[in-house]
Amino acid sequence: MRHDAHTAHDHRHEGHAPTRASGGGAGWAMAVRATLHCLTGCAIGEVLGMVIGTALGWGDLPTLVLAITLAFFFGYALTLRGVLKAGVGFRAAVRVALAADTLSIAVMELVDNGVLVLWPGAMEAHLDSGLFWIALAIALAVAFVVTTPVNKWMIGRGKGHAVVHRYHR
């Protein structure tokens, strides 16, 4: 059974996505799940981009551009996979993914790459260096902590992961 963005069911699952109008706020548990979903796609792309750029001896800027591009690609791809699986058409699924993930991925990428750029030696560290992996892990952890309240705020307004949640079965 196929759905598009306008005909898909729009009910709320109890406790998942209350709106301001209903007097509720988004729960932290849902925000954490949404941020973990975002972190998964971002981490896949970020690590892959950093590994490729570092292995090829690229400078900071091309490595960051590749890592950010791949983070957005994998973040959107994970959301697309779930929404398409729910029977939504491709064009509508792309709109859902863009609406659901863009701000979350952007904040996550800004924070984690900011940490890496500001961490002395992190961008120059090689793949066999503990500094490379430790800085990358800490940068992603900091990005998770900063992005979770952003996702909670968006979900509380029926945006972000709340948009994708409408397609969960």
C-alpha atoms as a PDB file:
ATOM      1  CA  MET A   1       0.000   0.000   0.000  1.00  0.00           C
ATOM      2  CA  ARG A   2       1.568   3.305  -1.082  1.00  0.00           C
ATOM      3  CA  HIS A   3       1.298   6.574   0.780  1.00  0.00           C
ATOM      4  CA  ASP A   4       2.388  10.049  -0.098  1.00  0.00           C
ATOM      5  CA  ALA A   5       3.108  12.926   2.254  1.00  0.00           C
ATOM      6  CA  HIS A   6      -0.515  14.079   2.138  1.00  0.00           C
ATOM      7  CA  THR A   7      -2.400  10.805   2.508  1.00  0.00           C
ATOM      8  CA  ALA A   8      -0.260   8.983   5.040  1.00  0.00           C
ATOM      9  CA  HIS A   9      -1.777   8.499   8.463  1.00  0.00           C
ATOM     10  CA  ASP A  10      -1.256  11.421  10.785  1.00  0.00           C
ATOM     11  CA  HIS A  11      -2.190  10.035  14.166  1.00  0.00           C
ATOM     12  CA  ARG A  12      -0.090  10.497  17.241  1.00  0.00           C
ATOM     13  CA  HIS A  13       1.116   7.492  19.186  1.00  0.00           C
ATOM     14  CA  GLU A  14       0.501   7.972  22.879  1.00  0.00           C
ATOM     15  CA  GLY A  15       3.450   9.619  24.570  1.00  0.00           C
ATOM     16  CA  HIS A  16       5.489  10.079  21.402  1.00  0.00           C
ATOM     17  CA  ALA A  17       4.796  13.417  19.782  1.00  0.00           C
ATOM     18  CA  PRO A  18       2.501  15.679  21.771  1.00  0.00           C
ATOM     19  CA  THR A  19       2.204  19.187  20.433  1.00  0.00           C
ATOM     20  CA  ARG A  20       2.009  22.525  22.151  1.00  0.00           C
ATOM     21  CA  ALA A  21      -1.693  22.609  21.307  1.00  0.00           C
ATOM     22  CA  SER A  22      -2.284  19.396  23.234  1.00  0.00           C
ATOM     23  CA  GLY A  23      -0.518  20.873  26.250  1.00  0.00           C
ATOM     24  CA  GLY A  24       2.354  18.401  26.114  1.00  0.00           C
ATOM     25  CA  GLY A  25       6.007  18.717  25.327  1.00  0.00           C
ATOM     26  CA  ALA A  26       8.302  16.376  23.509  1.00  0.00           C
ATOM     27  CA  GLY A  27       9.848  13.802  25.791  1.00  0.00           C
ATOM     28  CA  TRP A  28      13.572  13.526  26.261  1.00  0.00           C
ATOM     29  CA  ALA A  29      13.441   9.814  25.399  1.00  0.00           C
ATOM     30  CA  MET A  30      12.074  10.542  21.946  1.00  0.00           C
ATOM     31  CA  ALA A  31      14.628  13.336  21.451  1.00  0.00           C
ATOM     32  CA  VAL A  32      17.443  10.971  22.433  1.00  0.00           C
ATOM     33  CA  ARG A  33      16.183   8.327  19.961  1.00  0.00           C
ATOM     34  CA  ALA A  34      15.934  10.925  17.196  1.00  0.00           C
ATOM     35  CA  THR A  35      19.436  12.180  17.963  1.00  0.00           C
ATOM     36  CA  LEU A  36      20.848   8.639  18.040  1.00  0.00           C
ATOM     37  CA  HIS A  37      19.288   8.081  14.619  1.00  0.00           C
ATOM     38  CA  CYS A  38      20.907  11.297  13.380  1.00  0.00           C
ATOM     39  CA  LEU A  39      24.204  10.405  15.045  1.00  0.00           C
ATOM     40  CA  THR A  40      24.261   7.035  13.292  1.00  0.00           C
ATOM     41  CA  GLY A  41      24.048   8.554   9.805  1.00  0.00           C
ATOM     42  CA  CYS A  42      26.344  11.433  10.691  1.00  0.00           C
ATOM     43  CA  ALA A  43      28.930   9.158  12.274  1.00  0.00           C
ATOM     44  CA  ILE A  44      29.003   6.813   9.278  1.00  0.00           C
ATOM     45  CA  GLY A  45      29.530   9.726   6.901  1.00  0.00           C
ATOM     46  CA  GLU A  46      31.818  11.682   9.197  1.00  0.00           C
ATOM     47  CA  VAL A  47      34.129   8.762   9.948  1.00  0.00           C
ATOM     48  CA  LEU A  48      34.198   7.661   6.314  1.00  0.00           C
ATOM     49  CA  GLY A  49      34.937  11.205   5.122  1.00  0.00           C
ATOM     50  CA  MET A  50      37.663  11.761   7.720  1.00  0.00           C
ATOM     51  CA  VAL A  51      39.245   8.388   6.984  1.00  0.00           C
ATOM     52  CA  ILE A  52      39.229   8.961   3.205  1.00  0.00           C
ATOM     53  CA  GLY A  53      40.519  12.539   3.456  1.00  0.00           C
ATOM     54  CA  THR A  54      43.207  11.601   5.962  1.00  0.00           C
ATOM     55  CA  ALA A  55      44.283   8.470   4.055  1.00  0.00           C
ATOM     56  CA  LEU A  56      44.604  10.489   0.837  1.00  0.00           C
ATOM     57  CA  GLY A  57      46.556  13.238   2.602  1.00  0.00           C
ATOM     58  CA  TRP A  58      43.967  15.902   1.807  1.00  0.00           C
ATOM     59  CA  GLY A  59      43.995  19.231   3.587  1.00  0.00           C
ATOM     60  CA  ASP A  60      41.526  20.219   6.285  1.00  0.00           C
ATOM     61  CA  LEU A  61      38.957  21.918   4.059  1.00  0.00           C
ATOM     62  CA  PRO A  62      38.511  19.151   1.440  1.00  0.00           C
ATOM     63  CA  THR A  63      38.400  16.537   4.209  1.00  0.00           C
ATOM     64  CA  LEU A  64      35.733  18.486   6.111  1.00  0.00           C
ATOM     65  CA  VAL A  65      33.676  19.047   2.963  1.00  0.00           C
ATOM     66  CA  LEU A  66      33.757  15.322   2.169  1.00  0.00           C
ATOM     67  CA  ALA A  67      32.919  14.348   5.768  1.00  0.00           C
ATOM     68  CA  ILE A  68      29.999  16.789   5.953  1.00  0.00           C
ATOM     69  CA  THR A  69      28.678  15.759   2.533  1.00  0.00           C
ATOM     70  CA  LEU A  70      28.793  12.075   3.466  1.00  0.00           C
ATOM     71  CA  ALA A  71      27.196  12.774   6.858  1.00  0.00           C
ATOM     72  CA  PHE A  72      24.226  14.441   5.184  1.00  0.00           C
ATOM     73  CA  PHE A  73      24.066  11.656   2.572  1.00  0.00           C
ATOM     74  CA  PHE A  74      24.017   8.833   5.119  1.00  0.00           C
ATOM     75  CA  GLY A  75      21.738  10.734   7.524  1.00  0.00           C
ATOM     76  CA  TYR A  76      19.162  11.280   4.799  1.00  0.00           C
ATOM     77  CA  ALA A  77      19.652   7.750   3.443  1.00  0.00           C
ATOM     78  CA  LEU A  78      18.780   6.149   6.785  1.00  0.00           C
ATOM     79  CA  THR A  79      15.596   8.191   7.027  1.00  0.00           C
ATOM     80  CA  LEU A  80      14.695   7.536   3.387  1.00  0.00           C
ATOM     81  CA  ARG A  81      15.096   3.812   3.949  1.00  0.00           C
ATOM     82  CA  GLY A  82      12.529   3.787   6.750  1.00  0.00           C
ATOM     83  CA  VAL A  83      10.055   6.106   5.064  1.00  0.00           C
ATOM     84  CA  LEU A  84      10.241   4.234   1.744  1.00  0.00           C
ATOM     85  CA  LYS A  85       9.739   0.966   3.639  1.00  0.00           C
ATOM     86  CA  ALA A  86       6.481   2.449   4.984  1.00  0.00           C
ATOM     87  CA  GLY A  87       5.263   2.725   1.390  1.00  0.00           C
ATOM     88  CA  VAL A  88       5.799   6.421   0.805  1.00  0.00           C
ATOM     89  CA  GLY A  89       6.688   7.405  -2.768  1.00  0.00           C
ATOM     90  CA  PHE A  90      10.279   8.478  -3.447  1.00  0.00           C
ATOM     91  CA  ARG A  91       9.617  12.200  -3.990  1.00  0.00           C
ATOM     92  CA  ALA A  92       7.459  12.449  -0.881  1.00  0.00           C
ATOM     93  CA  ALA A  93      10.031  10.433   1.109  1.00  0.00           C
ATOM     94  CA  VAL A  94      12.783  12.848   0.071  1.00  0.00           C
ATOM     95  CA  ARG A  95      10.658  15.777   1.271  1.00  0.00           C
ATOM     96  CA  VAL A  96      10.054  13.985   4.585  1.00  0.00           C
ATOM     97  CA  ALA A  97      13.776  13.270   5.041  1.00  0.00           C
ATOM     98  CA  LEU A  98      14.744  16.857   4.249  1.00  0.00           C
ATOM     99  CA  ALA A  99      12.124  18.240   6.643  1.00  0.00           C
ATOM    100  CA  ALA A 100      12.969  15.760   9.380  1.00  0.00           C
ATOM    101  CA  ASP A 101      16.753  15.732   9.348  1.00  0.00           C
ATOM    102  CA  THR A 102      18.246  18.905   7.897  1.00  0.00           C
ATOM    103  CA  LEU A 103      18.455  21.000  11.069  1.00  0.00           C
ATOM    104  CA  SER A 104      19.520  18.053  13.218  1.00  0.00           C
ATOM    105  CA  ILE A 105      22.296  17.008  10.833  1.00  0.00           C
ATOM    106  CA  ALA A 106      23.424  20.614  10.352  1.00  0.00           C
ATOM    107  CA  VAL A 107      23.739  21.204  14.095  1.00  0.00           C
ATOM    108  CA  MET A 108      25.497  17.889  14.601  1.00  0.00           C
ATOM    109  CA  GLU A 109      27.963  18.603  11.786  1.00  0.00           C
ATOM    110  CA  LEU A 110      28.628  22.165  12.922  1.00  0.00           C
ATOM    111  CA  VAL A 111      29.382  21.014  16.459  1.00  0.00           C
ATOM    112  CA  ASP A 112      31.425  17.890  15.734  1.00  0.00           C
ATOM    113  CA  ASN A 113      33.508  19.541  13.019  1.00  0.00           C
ATOM    114  CA  GLY A 114      33.908  22.620  15.181  1.00  0.00           C
ATOM    115  CA  VAL A 115      35.337  20.449  17.951  1.00  0.00           C
ATOM    116  CA  LEU A 116      37.742  18.785  15.502  1.00  0.00           C
ATOM    117  CA  VAL A 117      38.907  22.075  14.012  1.00  0.00           C
ATOM    118  CA  LEU A 118      39.425  23.656  17.443  1.00  0.00           C
ATOM    119  CA  TRP A 119      41.131  20.584  18.978  1.00  0.00           C
ATOM    120  CA  PRO A 120      44.884  21.168  18.614  1.00  0.00           C
ATOM    121  CA  GLY A 121      46.367  18.583  16.249  1.00  0.00           C
ATOM    122  CA  ALA A 122      43.124  16.684  15.614  1.00  0.00           C
ATOM    123  CA  MET A 123      42.875  17.592  11.932  1.00  0.00           C
ATOM    124  CA  GLU A 124      46.530  16.745  11.348  1.00  0.00           C
ATOM    125  CA  ALA A 125      46.380  13.394  13.179  1.00  0.00           C
ATOM    126  CA  HIS A 126      46.826  10.250  11.104  1.00  0.00           C
ATOM    127  CA  LEU A 127      44.592   7.179  11.074  1.00  0.00           C
ATOM    128  CA  ASP A 128      47.052   5.216  13.234  1.00  0.00           C
ATOM    129  CA  SER A 129      47.015   7.942  15.890  1.00  0.00           C
ATOM    130  CA  GLY A 130      44.981   7.632  19.051  1.00  0.00           C
ATOM    131  CA  LEU A 131      44.371  11.376  18.835  1.00  0.00           C
ATOM    132  CA  PHE A 132      42.513  10.938  15.518  1.00  0.00           C
ATOM    133  CA  TRP A 133      40.059   8.416  16.953  1.00  0.00           C
ATOM    134  CA  ILE A 134      39.698   9.960  20.415  1.00  0.00           C
ATOM    135  CA  ALA A 135      39.058  13.447  19.026  1.00  0.00           C
ATOM    136  CA  LEU A 136      36.539  12.085  16.521  1.00  0.00           C
ATOM    137  CA  ALA A 137      34.683  10.084  19.193  1.00  0.00           C
ATOM    138  CA  ILE A 138      34.590  13.014  21.613  1.00  0.00           C
ATOM    139  CA  ALA A 139      33.505  15.413  18.848  1.00  0.00           C
ATOM    140  CA  LEU A 140      30.569  13.139  17.979  1.00  0.00           C
ATOM    141  CA  ALA A 141      29.658  12.763  21.665  1.00  0.00           C
ATOM    142  CA  VAL A 142      29.650  16.551  22.159  1.00  0.00           C
ATOM    143  CA  ALA A 143      27.543  16.929  19.006  1.00  0.00           C
ATOM    144  CA  PHE A 144      25.057  14.387  20.401  1.00  0.00           C
ATOM    145  CA  VAL A 145      24.736  16.337  23.670  1.00  0.00           C
ATOM    146  CA  VAL A 146      24.219  19.652  21.871  1.00  0.00           C
ATOM    147  CA  THR A 147      21.837  18.266  19.221  1.00  0.00           C
ATOM    148  CA  THR A 148      19.495  16.417  21.605  1.00  0.00           C
ATOM    149  CA  PRO A 149      17.824  19.598  22.967  1.00  0.00           C
ATOM    150  CA  VAL A 150      17.479  20.879  19.384  1.00  0.00           C
ATOM    151  CA  ASN A 151      15.633  17.690  18.455  1.00  0.00           C
ATOM    152  CA  LYS A 152      13.480  17.920  21.589  1.00  0.00           C
ATOM    153  CA  TRP A 153      12.511  21.475  20.655  1.00  0.00           C
ATOM    154  CA  MET A 154      11.686  20.473  17.050  1.00  0.00           C
ATOM    155  CA  ILE A 155       9.685  17.396  18.059  1.00  0.00           C
ATOM    156  CA  GLY A 156       7.701  19.479  20.552  1.00  0.00           C
ATOM    157  CA  ARG A 157       6.589  21.617  17.633  1.00  0.00           C
ATOM    158  CA  GLY A 158       5.690  18.681  15.386  1.00  0.00           C
ATOM    159  CA  LYS A 159       8.886  19.060  13.332  1.00  0.00           C
ATOM    160  CA  GLY A 160      12.051  17.016  12.926  1.00  0.00           C
ATOM    161  CA  HIS A 161      11.722  13.372  13.926  1.00  0.00           C
ATOM    162  CA  ALA A 162       8.016  13.909  14.642  1.00  0.00           C
ATOM    163  CA  VAL A 163       7.536  14.160  10.863  1.00  0.00           C
ATOM    164  CA  VAL A 164       9.221  10.788  10.306  1.00  0.00           C
ATOM    165  CA  HIS A 165       7.378   9.206  13.221  1.00  0.00           C
ATOM    166  CA  ARG A 166       4.104   9.509  11.308  1.00  0.00           C
ATOM    167  CA  TYR A 167       5.408   6.797   8.968  1.00  0.00           C
ATOM    168  CA  HIS A 168       6.525   4.302  11.623  1.00  0.00           C
ATOM    169  CA  ARG A 169       4.490   1.132  11.783  1.00  0.00           C
END
